[in-house]
Amino acid sequence: MSFRSVLKQTASIAKNTKVVGSIVAATGLSASAMLYADSLSAEALTAAEHGLHPPHFGWSHNGMFDTFDHASIRRGYQVYREVCASCHSLSRVHWRTMVGVSHTNSEVREFAEEFEYDDEPDDQGNPRKRKGKLSDLMPSPYPNEQAARAGNQGALPPDLSLIVKARHGGADYIFALLTGYPEEPPAGVVLPEGANYNPYFPGGSIAMGRILFDDLVEYEDGTPATTSQMAKDVVTFLNWASEPEHDERKRLGLKTLIILSVLYGLSVAQKRIKWANIKTRKFVFNPPKK
């Protein structure tokens, strides 16, 4: 086989490879576009699952390199403690996670010591109680699900530990829900006994009534306690509770991007140095003379 034949076969294989690669890439992009379009047009299974979609709010921590407003987290815990904690729990959040985030070590210890936890029994086997510690989980306001339902007309108040990540719309939905109670339900809307109307809640009928009103709490930093301010603060706190690693994750992500960028630049420079002689070589074919 002549040298020219080898070159022709090599060029043909390379061309076919490029064609196959282009077809695979086009198929993958088309499938991805179809899946994305389907996700945008997806609908709930029943009309009762539809709720008014919340608007998008400009949360200060939504940016790629933005972190939580820790003063807002501190205020949000105050709202949760004074307003929400009577019905809703944070059973997956440890007291210690708040240290250095929104409160000092001594402040969090005081919060924990306000509650009693089960301790190991004494030598006679009698149960004992102890004050809370930083390593404890935040307590629930009810001993069990039955007691929670009995105290809320049969409705079970959800645990708020992961509520922001567990609801479609996240922080936008929680904020819209807390501030979206109208004075009166729209004409023609019939609610069950004891229910309240909120257009952002799926179905519109919600057991929880409006709980935030202007000046309901008194912030220690002097921030005006308007309904929207309290809603914003408590949602920021619940967002932090859902992902307490948020700030550290973004810091590590920034460091990773910097390191990878430097390594990429070094690899490109090394590649150019190593391949410079090879790429500038000139091959000359001198066919034998007959």
C-alpha atoms as a PDB file:
ATOM      1  CA  MET A   1       0.000   0.000   0.000  1.00  0.00           C
ATOM      2  CA  SER A   2       1.390   3.367  -1.030  1.00  0.00           C
ATOM      3  CA  PHE A   3       1.879   6.303   1.297  1.00  0.00           C
ATOM      4  CA  ARG A   4      -0.774   8.290  -0.552  1.00  0.00           C
ATOM      5  CA  SER A   5      -3.357   5.536  -0.003  1.00  0.00           C
ATOM      6  CA  VAL A   6      -2.639   5.558   3.714  1.00  0.00           C
ATOM      7  CA  LEU A   7      -3.127   9.321   3.828  1.00  0.00           C
ATOM      8  CA  LYS A   8      -6.439   9.052   1.948  1.00  0.00           C
ATOM      9  CA  GLN A   9      -7.747   6.342   4.317  1.00  0.00           C
ATOM     10  CA  THR A  10      -6.693   8.361   7.355  1.00  0.00           C
ATOM     11  CA  ALA A  11      -8.447  11.480   6.049  1.00  0.00           C
ATOM     12  CA  SER A  12     -11.590   9.461   5.303  1.00  0.00           C
ATOM     13  CA  ILE A  13     -11.666   7.979   8.816  1.00  0.00           C
ATOM     14  CA  ALA A  14     -11.168  11.422  10.362  1.00  0.00           C
ATOM     15  CA  LYS A  15     -13.993  12.850   8.242  1.00  0.00           C
ATOM     16  CA  ASN A  16     -16.376  10.034   9.184  1.00  0.00           C
ATOM     17  CA  THR A  17     -15.478  10.480  12.852  1.00  0.00           C
ATOM     18  CA  LYS A  18     -16.291  14.183  12.690  1.00  0.00           C
ATOM     19  CA  VAL A  19     -19.648  13.423  11.027  1.00  0.00           C
ATOM     20  CA  VAL A  20     -20.589  10.859  13.688  1.00  0.00           C
ATOM     21  CA  GLY A  21     -19.492  13.247  16.448  1.00  0.00           C
ATOM     22  CA  SER A  22     -21.584  16.052  14.974  1.00  0.00           C
ATOM     23  CA  ILE A  23     -24.653  13.799  14.776  1.00  0.00           C
ATOM     24  CA  VAL A  24     -24.228  12.657  18.394  1.00  0.00           C
ATOM     25  CA  ALA A  25     -23.759  16.243  19.601  1.00  0.00           C
ATOM     26  CA  ALA A  26     -26.818  17.467  17.679  1.00  0.00           C
ATOM     27  CA  THR A  27     -28.934  14.602  19.051  1.00  0.00           C
ATOM     28  CA  GLY A  28     -27.830  15.326  22.610  1.00  0.00           C
ATOM     29  CA  LEU A  29     -28.547  19.041  22.316  1.00  0.00           C
ATOM     30  CA  SER A  30     -31.966  18.374  20.795  1.00  0.00           C
ATOM     31  CA  ALA A  31     -32.893  15.945  23.573  1.00  0.00           C
ATOM     32  CA  SER A  32     -31.713  18.385  26.233  1.00  0.00           C
ATOM     33  CA  ALA A  33     -33.732  21.211  24.679  1.00  0.00           C
ATOM     34  CA  MET A  34     -36.860  19.042  24.564  1.00  0.00           C
ATOM     35  CA  LEU A  35     -36.469  17.984  28.209  1.00  0.00           C
ATOM     36  CA  TYR A  36     -35.936  21.591  29.303  1.00  0.00           C
ATOM     37  CA  ALA A  37     -38.986  22.791  27.359  1.00  0.00           C
ATOM     38  CA  ASP A  38     -41.065  19.992  28.897  1.00  0.00           C
ATOM     39  CA  SER A  39     -39.951  20.969  32.389  1.00  0.00           C
ATOM     40  CA  LEU A  40     -41.117  24.558  31.794  1.00  0.00           C
ATOM     41  CA  SER A  41     -44.552  23.463  30.622  1.00  0.00           C
ATOM     42  CA  ALA A  42     -45.074  20.761  33.267  1.00  0.00           C
ATOM     43  CA  GLU A  43     -48.341  21.066  35.148  1.00  0.00           C
ATOM     44  CA  ALA A  44     -49.661  19.665  38.410  1.00  0.00           C
ATOM     45  CA  LEU A  45     -51.813  16.562  38.297  1.00  0.00           C
ATOM     46  CA  THR A  46     -54.979  18.151  39.629  1.00  0.00           C
ATOM     47  CA  ALA A  47     -56.470  21.634  39.779  1.00  0.00           C
ATOM     48  CA  ALA A  48     -56.192  21.564  43.576  1.00  0.00           C
ATOM     49  CA  GLU A  49     -52.419  21.385  43.295  1.00  0.00           C
ATOM     50  CA  HIS A  50     -52.256  24.662  41.393  1.00  0.00           C
ATOM     51  CA  GLY A  51     -51.462  27.799  43.325  1.00  0.00           C
ATOM     52  CA  LEU A  52     -50.647  31.336  42.349  1.00  0.00           C
ATOM     53  CA  HIS A  53     -46.978  31.392  41.373  1.00  0.00           C
ATOM     54  CA  PRO A  54     -44.957  33.691  43.634  1.00  0.00           C
ATOM     55  CA  PRO A  55     -42.951  36.546  42.129  1.00  0.00           C
ATOM     56  CA  HIS A  56     -39.173  36.415  42.150  1.00  0.00           C
ATOM     57  CA  PHE A  57     -37.688  38.536  44.910  1.00  0.00           C
ATOM     58  CA  GLY A  58     -34.163  39.932  44.930  1.00  0.00           C
ATOM     59  CA  TRP A  59     -32.750  38.010  47.867  1.00  0.00           C
ATOM     60  CA  SER A  60     -29.351  39.310  48.916  1.00  0.00           C
ATOM     61  CA  HIS A  61     -27.862  35.786  48.970  1.00  0.00           C
ATOM     62  CA  ASN A  62     -28.965  34.666  45.497  1.00  0.00           C
ATOM     63  CA  GLY A  63     -25.821  35.769  43.673  1.00  0.00           C
ATOM     64  CA  MET A  64     -23.036  33.366  42.816  1.00  0.00           C
ATOM     65  CA  PHE A  65     -20.714  34.890  45.401  1.00  0.00           C
ATOM     66  CA  ASP A  66     -23.308  36.444  47.758  1.00  0.00           C
ATOM     67  CA  THR A  67     -23.753  35.177  51.309  1.00  0.00           C
ATOM     68  CA  PHE A  68     -26.576  35.345  53.817  1.00  0.00           C
ATOM     69  CA  ASP A  69     -27.452  38.558  55.626  1.00  0.00           C
ATOM     70  CA  HIS A  70     -26.508  37.397  59.132  1.00  0.00           C
ATOM     71  CA  ALA A  71     -28.257  40.311  60.833  1.00  0.00           C
ATOM     72  CA  SER A  72     -31.427  39.189  59.069  1.00  0.00           C
ATOM     73  CA  ILE A  73     -30.846  35.614  60.259  1.00  0.00           C
ATOM     74  CA  ARG A  74     -30.643  36.894  63.838  1.00  0.00           C
ATOM     75  CA  ARG A  75     -33.872  38.868  63.466  1.00  0.00           C
ATOM     76  CA  GLY A  76     -35.501  35.921  61.710  1.00  0.00           C
ATOM     77  CA  TYR A  77     -34.763  33.618  64.625  1.00  0.00           C
ATOM     78  CA  GLN A  78     -36.450  36.142  66.923  1.00  0.00           C
ATOM     79  CA  VAL A  79     -39.566  36.042  64.717  1.00  0.00           C
ATOM     80  CA  TYR A  80     -39.498  32.248  64.655  1.00  0.00           C
ATOM     81  CA  ARG A  81     -39.026  32.050  68.419  1.00  0.00           C
ATOM     82  CA  GLU A  82     -41.764  34.533  69.313  1.00  0.00           C
ATOM     83  CA  VAL A  83     -44.281  33.749  66.577  1.00  0.00           C
ATOM     84  CA  CYS A  84     -43.704  30.448  64.781  1.00  0.00           C
ATOM     85  CA  ALA A  85     -42.240  28.164  67.466  1.00  0.00           C
ATOM     86  CA  SER A  86     -45.582  27.703  69.218  1.00  0.00           C
ATOM     87  CA  CYS A  87     -46.739  25.460  66.333  1.00  0.00           C
ATOM     88  CA  HIS A  88     -43.780  24.654  64.078  1.00  0.00           C
ATOM     89  CA  SER A  89     -40.633  22.750  64.939  1.00  0.00           C
ATOM     90  CA  LEU A  90     -37.018  22.828  63.730  1.00  0.00           C
ATOM     91  CA  SER A  91     -36.301  19.261  64.730  1.00  0.00           C
ATOM     92  CA  ARG A  92     -33.328  18.833  62.354  1.00  0.00           C
ATOM     93  CA  VAL A  93     -31.398  21.904  63.474  1.00  0.00           C
ATOM     94  CA  HIS A  94     -28.846  21.719  66.306  1.00  0.00           C
ATOM     95  CA  TRP A  95     -28.372  24.643  68.631  1.00  0.00           C
ATOM     96  CA  ARG A  96     -24.651  24.700  67.919  1.00  0.00           C
ATOM     97  CA  THR A  97     -25.164  25.590  64.255  1.00  0.00           C
ATOM     98  CA  MET A  98     -26.283  29.083  65.277  1.00  0.00           C
ATOM     99  CA  VAL A  99     -23.043  29.854  67.122  1.00  0.00           C
ATOM    100  CA  GLY A 100     -20.989  32.350  65.148  1.00  0.00           C
ATOM    101  CA  VAL A 101     -23.711  32.703  62.520  1.00  0.00           C
ATOM    102  CA  SER A 102     -26.347  34.818  64.225  1.00  0.00           C
ATOM    103  CA  HIS A 103     -25.602  34.599  67.958  1.00  0.00           C
ATOM    104  CA  THR A 104     -22.689  34.179  70.336  1.00  0.00           C
ATOM    105  CA  ASN A 105     -21.891  30.972  72.184  1.00  0.00           C
ATOM    106  CA  SER A 106     -23.321  32.268  75.481  1.00  0.00           C
ATOM    107  CA  GLU A 107     -26.536  33.466  73.822  1.00  0.00           C
ATOM    108  CA  VAL A 108     -27.197  30.115  72.186  1.00  0.00           C
ATOM    109  CA  ARG A 109     -26.444  28.297  75.465  1.00  0.00           C
ATOM    110  CA  GLU A 110     -29.073  30.427  77.182  1.00  0.00           C
ATOM    111  CA  PHE A 111     -31.607  29.548  74.474  1.00  0.00           C
ATOM    112  CA  ALA A 112     -30.879  25.837  74.843  1.00  0.00           C
ATOM    113  CA  GLU A 113     -31.038  25.895  78.645  1.00  0.00           C
ATOM    114  CA  GLU A 114     -34.583  27.234  78.516  1.00  0.00           C
ATOM    115  CA  PHE A 115     -35.721  23.727  77.511  1.00  0.00           C
ATOM    116  CA  GLU A 116     -35.543  20.385  79.311  1.00  0.00           C
ATOM    117  CA  TYR A 117     -34.378  17.200  77.626  1.00  0.00           C
ATOM    118  CA  ASP A 118     -34.532  13.560  78.656  1.00  0.00           C
ATOM    119  CA  ASP A 119     -31.412  12.451  80.499  1.00  0.00           C
ATOM    120  CA  GLU A 120     -30.114   9.018  81.453  1.00  0.00           C
ATOM    121  CA  PRO A 121     -32.095   7.411  84.290  1.00  0.00           C
ATOM    122  CA  ASP A 122     -30.719   7.414  87.834  1.00  0.00           C
ATOM    123  CA  ASP A 123     -29.450   4.342  89.691  1.00  0.00           C
ATOM    124  CA  GLN A 124     -33.036   3.283  90.488  1.00  0.00           C
ATOM    125  CA  GLY A 125     -34.098   3.585  86.845  1.00  0.00           C
ATOM    126  CA  ASN A 126     -36.174   6.721  87.328  1.00  0.00           C
ATOM    127  CA  PRO A 127     -36.218   9.098  84.346  1.00  0.00           C
ATOM    128  CA  ARG A 128     -34.426  12.384  84.755  1.00  0.00           C
ATOM    129  CA  LYS A 129     -34.448  15.705  82.971  1.00  0.00           C
ATOM    130  CA  ARG A 130     -31.568  18.039  82.170  1.00  0.00           C
ATOM    131  CA  LYS A 131     -31.093  21.461  80.676  1.00  0.00           C
ATOM    132  CA  GLY A 132     -30.461  21.730  76.987  1.00  0.00           C
ATOM    133  CA  LYS A 133     -26.959  21.765  75.540  1.00  0.00           C
ATOM    134  CA  LEU A 134     -25.459  23.067  72.314  1.00  0.00           C
ATOM    135  CA  SER A 135     -25.333  19.540  70.922  1.00  0.00           C
ATOM    136  CA  ASP A 136     -29.109  19.061  71.273  1.00  0.00           C
ATOM    137  CA  LEU A 137     -31.636  19.434  68.489  1.00  0.00           C
ATOM    138  CA  MET A 138     -34.168  22.225  68.794  1.00  0.00           C
ATOM    139  CA  PRO A 139     -37.264  20.829  70.550  1.00  0.00           C
ATOM    140  CA  SER A 140     -40.704  20.397  69.049  1.00  0.00           C
ATOM    141  CA  PRO A 141     -43.653  22.289  70.569  1.00  0.00           C
ATOM    142  CA  TYR A 142     -45.669  19.045  70.665  1.00  0.00           C
ATOM    143  CA  PRO A 143     -44.715  15.635  72.075  1.00  0.00           C
ATOM    144  CA  ASN A 144     -46.116  13.731  69.063  1.00  0.00           C
ATOM    145  CA  GLU A 145     -48.131  14.066  65.858  1.00  0.00           C
ATOM    146  CA  GLN A 146     -51.461  13.348  67.565  1.00  0.00           C
ATOM    147  CA  ALA A 147     -50.956  16.213  70.020  1.00  0.00           C
ATOM    148  CA  ALA A 148     -49.987  18.535  67.154  1.00  0.00           C
ATOM    149  CA  ARG A 149     -53.143  17.696  65.221  1.00  0.00           C
ATOM    150  CA  ALA A 150     -55.313  18.011  68.307  1.00  0.00           C
ATOM    151  CA  GLY A 151     -53.989  21.510  68.916  1.00  0.00           C
ATOM    152  CA  ASN A 152     -54.545  22.666  65.326  1.00  0.00           C
ATOM    153  CA  GLN A 153     -58.027  21.408  64.416  1.00  0.00           C
ATOM    154  CA  GLY A 154     -56.680  18.262  62.788  1.00  0.00           C
ATOM    155  CA  ALA A 155     -53.994  19.995  60.689  1.00  0.00           C
ATOM    156  CA  LEU A 156     -50.364  19.000  61.159  1.00  0.00           C
ATOM    157  CA  PRO A 157     -47.979  21.986  61.243  1.00  0.00           C
ATOM    158  CA  PRO A 158     -44.985  21.036  59.077  1.00  0.00           C
ATOM    159  CA  ASP A 159     -41.466  20.959  60.421  1.00  0.00           C
ATOM    160  CA  LEU A 160     -39.590  23.994  59.114  1.00  0.00           C
ATOM    161  CA  SER A 161     -36.060  22.581  59.092  1.00  0.00           C
ATOM    162  CA  LEU A 162     -36.074  22.007  55.316  1.00  0.00           C
ATOM    163  CA  ILE A 163     -39.226  23.871  54.339  1.00  0.00           C
ATOM    164  CA  VAL A 164     -37.473  26.270  51.936  1.00  0.00           C
ATOM    165  CA  LYS A 165     -35.886  23.424  49.972  1.00  0.00           C
ATOM    166  CA  ALA A 166     -39.016  21.263  50.199  1.00  0.00           C
ATOM    167  CA  ARG A 167     -41.393  23.740  48.552  1.00  0.00           C
ATOM    168  CA  HIS A 168     -41.553  24.672  44.900  1.00  0.00           C
ATOM    169  CA  GLY A 169     -40.501  28.301  44.687  1.00  0.00           C
ATOM    170  CA  GLY A 170     -38.334  28.099  47.801  1.00  0.00           C
ATOM    171  CA  ALA A 171     -37.884  31.362  49.681  1.00  0.00           C
ATOM    172  CA  ASP A 172     -40.091  33.237  47.194  1.00  0.00           C
ATOM    173  CA  TYR A 173     -43.005  30.924  47.951  1.00  0.00           C
ATOM    174  CA  ILE A 174     -42.645  31.140  51.750  1.00  0.00           C
ATOM    175  CA  PHE A 175     -42.431  34.946  51.649  1.00  0.00           C
ATOM    176  CA  ALA A 176     -45.434  35.225  49.313  1.00  0.00           C
ATOM    177  CA  LEU A 177     -47.420  32.842  51.510  1.00  0.00           C
ATOM    178  CA  LEU A 178     -46.721  34.795  54.702  1.00  0.00           C
ATOM    179  CA  THR A 179     -47.624  38.142  53.143  1.00  0.00           C
ATOM    180  CA  GLY A 180     -50.359  36.981  50.750  1.00  0.00           C
ATOM    181  CA  TYR A 181     -53.413  36.790  53.013  1.00  0.00           C
ATOM    182  CA  PRO A 182     -56.198  39.046  51.676  1.00  0.00           C
ATOM    183  CA  GLU A 183     -58.700  40.765  53.944  1.00  0.00           C
ATOM    184  CA  GLU A 184     -61.527  38.702  52.457  1.00  0.00           C
ATOM    185  CA  PRO A 185     -61.522  35.700  50.090  1.00  0.00           C
ATOM    186  CA  PRO A 186     -62.625  36.399  46.518  1.00  0.00           C
ATOM    187  CA  ALA A 187     -66.304  36.226  45.676  1.00  0.00           C
ATOM    188  CA  GLY A 188     -67.476  32.692  45.056  1.00  0.00           C
ATOM    189  CA  VAL A 189     -64.709  31.011  47.063  1.00  0.00           C
ATOM    190  CA  VAL A 190     -66.128  28.632  49.665  1.00  0.00           C
ATOM    191  CA  LEU A 191     -63.750  27.582  52.447  1.00  0.00           C
ATOM    192  CA  PRO A 192     -64.117  24.711  54.911  1.00  0.00           C
ATOM    193  CA  GLU A 193     -64.841  25.599  58.517  1.00  0.00           C
ATOM    194  CA  GLY A 194     -61.739  26.964  60.240  1.00  0.00           C
ATOM    195  CA  ALA A 195     -59.811  27.378  56.973  1.00  0.00           C
ATOM    196  CA  ASN A 196     -58.251  30.554  55.600  1.00  0.00           C
ATOM    197  CA  TYR A 197     -57.749  31.745  52.048  1.00  0.00           C
ATOM    198  CA  ASN A 198     -54.316  32.279  50.580  1.00  0.00           C
ATOM    199  CA  PRO A 199     -53.895  32.357  46.788  1.00  0.00           C
ATOM    200  CA  TYR A 200     -50.308  31.108  46.965  1.00  0.00           C
ATOM    201  CA  PHE A 201     -51.249  27.932  48.817  1.00  0.00           C
ATOM    202  CA  PRO A 202     -52.213  25.034  46.507  1.00  0.00           C
ATOM    203  CA  GLY A 203     -56.002  24.932  46.442  1.00  0.00           C
ATOM    204  CA  GLY A 204     -56.261  28.289  48.218  1.00  0.00           C
ATOM    205  CA  SER A 205     -57.523  26.784  51.493  1.00  0.00           C
ATOM    206  CA  ILE A 206     -54.970  26.750  54.317  1.00  0.00           C
ATOM    207  CA  ALA A 207     -55.404  25.921  57.990  1.00  0.00           C
ATOM    208  CA  MET A 208     -52.851  28.495  59.143  1.00  0.00           C
ATOM    209  CA  GLY A 209     -54.235  32.002  59.403  1.00  0.00           C
ATOM    210  CA  ARG A 210     -52.297  35.206  59.016  1.00  0.00           C
ATOM    211  CA  ILE A 211     -49.695  35.374  61.787  1.00  0.00           C
ATOM    212  CA  LEU A 212     -47.569  38.424  60.919  1.00  0.00           C
ATOM    213  CA  PHE A 213     -48.790  41.918  61.699  1.00  0.00           C
ATOM    214  CA  ASP A 214     -46.946  45.215  61.936  1.00  0.00           C
ATOM    215  CA  ASP A 215     -45.021  45.700  65.208  1.00  0.00           C
ATOM    216  CA  LEU A 216     -45.731  42.133  66.339  1.00  0.00           C
ATOM    217  CA  VAL A 217     -42.151  41.858  67.613  1.00  0.00           C
ATOM    218  CA  GLU A 218     -39.643  44.454  68.777  1.00  0.00           C
ATOM    219  CA  TYR A 219     -36.266  44.057  67.124  1.00  0.00           C
ATOM    220  CA  GLU A 220     -33.296  44.656  69.383  1.00  0.00           C
ATOM    221  CA  ASP A 221     -31.433  46.529  66.642  1.00  0.00           C
ATOM    222  CA  GLY A 222     -34.279  48.986  66.117  1.00  0.00           C
ATOM    223  CA  THR A 223     -35.334  47.734  62.685  1.00  0.00           C
ATOM    224  CA  PRO A 224     -39.017  48.586  62.023  1.00  0.00           C
ATOM    225  CA  ALA A 225     -40.999  45.373  62.435  1.00  0.00           C
ATOM    226  CA  THR A 226     -43.294  45.669  59.438  1.00  0.00           C
ATOM    227  CA  THR A 227     -45.064  42.608  58.093  1.00  0.00           C
ATOM    228  CA  SER A 228     -42.816  42.404  55.035  1.00  0.00           C
ATOM    229  CA  GLN A 229     -39.663  42.927  57.133  1.00  0.00           C
ATOM    230  CA  MET A 230     -40.581  40.139  59.539  1.00  0.00           C
ATOM    231  CA  ALA A 231     -41.481  37.847  56.651  1.00  0.00           C
ATOM    232  CA  LYS A 232     -38.185  38.625  54.924  1.00  0.00           C
ATOM    233  CA  ASP A 233     -36.183  37.965  58.103  1.00  0.00           C
ATOM    234  CA  VAL A 234     -37.886  34.710  59.066  1.00  0.00           C
ATOM    235  CA  VAL A 235     -37.610  33.406  55.493  1.00  0.00           C
ATOM    236  CA  THR A 236     -33.888  34.242  55.485  1.00  0.00           C
ATOM    237  CA  PHE A 237     -33.533  32.361  58.775  1.00  0.00           C
ATOM    238  CA  LEU A 238     -35.429  29.340  57.415  1.00  0.00           C
ATOM    239  CA  ASN A 239     -33.351  29.431  54.240  1.00  0.00           C
ATOM    240  CA  TRP A 240     -30.210  29.307  56.354  1.00  0.00           C
ATOM    241  CA  ALA A 241     -31.695  26.452  58.426  1.00  0.00           C
ATOM    242  CA  SER A 242     -32.329  24.500  55.210  1.00  0.00           C
ATOM    243  CA  GLU A 243     -28.745  24.884  53.999  1.00  0.00           C
ATOM    244  CA  PRO A 244     -26.411  26.091  56.767  1.00  0.00           C
ATOM    245  CA  GLU A 245     -23.437  25.221  54.543  1.00  0.00           C
ATOM    246  CA  HIS A 246     -24.514  27.875  52.006  1.00  0.00           C
ATOM    247  CA  ASP A 247     -21.851  30.501  52.759  1.00  0.00           C
ATOM    248  CA  GLU A 248     -19.012  28.008  53.136  1.00  0.00           C
ATOM    249  CA  ARG A 249     -20.021  26.277  49.904  1.00  0.00           C
ATOM    250  CA  LYS A 250     -19.759  29.532  47.970  1.00  0.00           C
ATOM    251  CA  ARG A 251     -16.416  30.371  49.554  1.00  0.00           C
ATOM    252  CA  LEU A 252     -15.058  26.955  48.604  1.00  0.00           C
ATOM    253  CA  GLY A 253     -16.536  27.333  45.117  1.00  0.00           C
ATOM    254  CA  LEU A 254     -14.731  30.641  44.616  1.00  0.00           C
ATOM    255  CA  LYS A 255     -11.442  29.119  45.782  1.00  0.00           C
ATOM    256  CA  THR A 256     -11.994  26.151  43.470  1.00  0.00           C
ATOM    257  CA  LEU A 257     -12.635  28.412  40.474  1.00  0.00           C
ATOM    258  CA  ILE A 258      -9.459  30.392  41.192  1.00  0.00           C
ATOM    259  CA  ILE A 259      -7.316  27.260  41.559  1.00  0.00           C
ATOM    260  CA  LEU A 260      -8.773  25.590  38.459  1.00  0.00           C
ATOM    261  CA  SER A 261      -8.283  28.776  36.428  1.00  0.00           C
ATOM    262  CA  VAL A 262      -4.611  28.942  37.432  1.00  0.00           C
ATOM    263  CA  LEU A 263      -4.109  25.245  36.676  1.00  0.00           C
ATOM    264  CA  TYR A 264      -5.838  25.644  33.315  1.00  0.00           C
ATOM    265  CA  GLY A 265      -3.564  28.547  32.405  1.00  0.00           C
ATOM    266  CA  LEU A 266      -0.478  26.543  33.412  1.00  0.00           C
ATOM    267  CA  SER A 267      -1.647  23.526  31.421  1.00  0.00           C
ATOM    268  CA  VAL A 268      -2.200  25.655  28.301  1.00  0.00           C
ATOM    269  CA  ALA A 269       1.252  27.213  28.656  1.00  0.00           C
ATOM    270  CA  GLN A 270       2.857  23.807  29.212  1.00  0.00           C
ATOM    271  CA  LYS A 271       1.045  22.366  26.217  1.00  0.00           C
ATOM    272  CA  ARG A 272       2.267  25.153  23.965  1.00  0.00           C
ATOM    273  CA  ILE A 273       5.824  24.706  25.148  1.00  0.00           C
ATOM    274  CA  LYS A 274       5.807  20.935  24.695  1.00  0.00           C
ATOM    275  CA  TRP A 275       4.061  20.920  21.334  1.00  0.00           C
ATOM    276  CA  ALA A 276       5.770  23.944  19.780  1.00  0.00           C
ATOM    277  CA  ASN A 277       8.556  21.906  18.175  1.00  0.00           C
ATOM    278  CA  ILE A 278       6.195  19.173  17.001  1.00  0.00           C
ATOM    279  CA  LYS A 279       3.642  21.523  15.471  1.00  0.00           C
ATOM    280  CA  THR A 280       6.298  23.546  13.612  1.00  0.00           C
ATOM    281  CA  ARG A 281       7.922  20.526  12.050  1.00  0.00           C
ATOM    282  CA  LYS A 282       7.771  20.226   8.315  1.00  0.00           C
ATOM    283  CA  PHE A 283       7.407  16.856   6.659  1.00  0.00           C
ATOM    284  CA  VAL A 284       8.490  16.630   3.044  1.00  0.00           C
ATOM    285  CA  PHE A 285       7.771  13.597   0.959  1.00  0.00           C
ATOM    286  CA  ASN A 286      10.163  13.048  -1.894  1.00  0.00           C
ATOM    287  CA  PRO A 287       8.883  10.204  -4.016  1.00  0.00           C
ATOM    288  CA  PRO A 288      11.536   7.944  -5.422  1.00  0.00           C
ATOM    289  CA  LYS A 289      12.606   8.733  -8.924  1.00  0.00           C
ATOM    290  CA  LYS A 290      11.868   6.158 -11.540  1.00  0.00           C
END
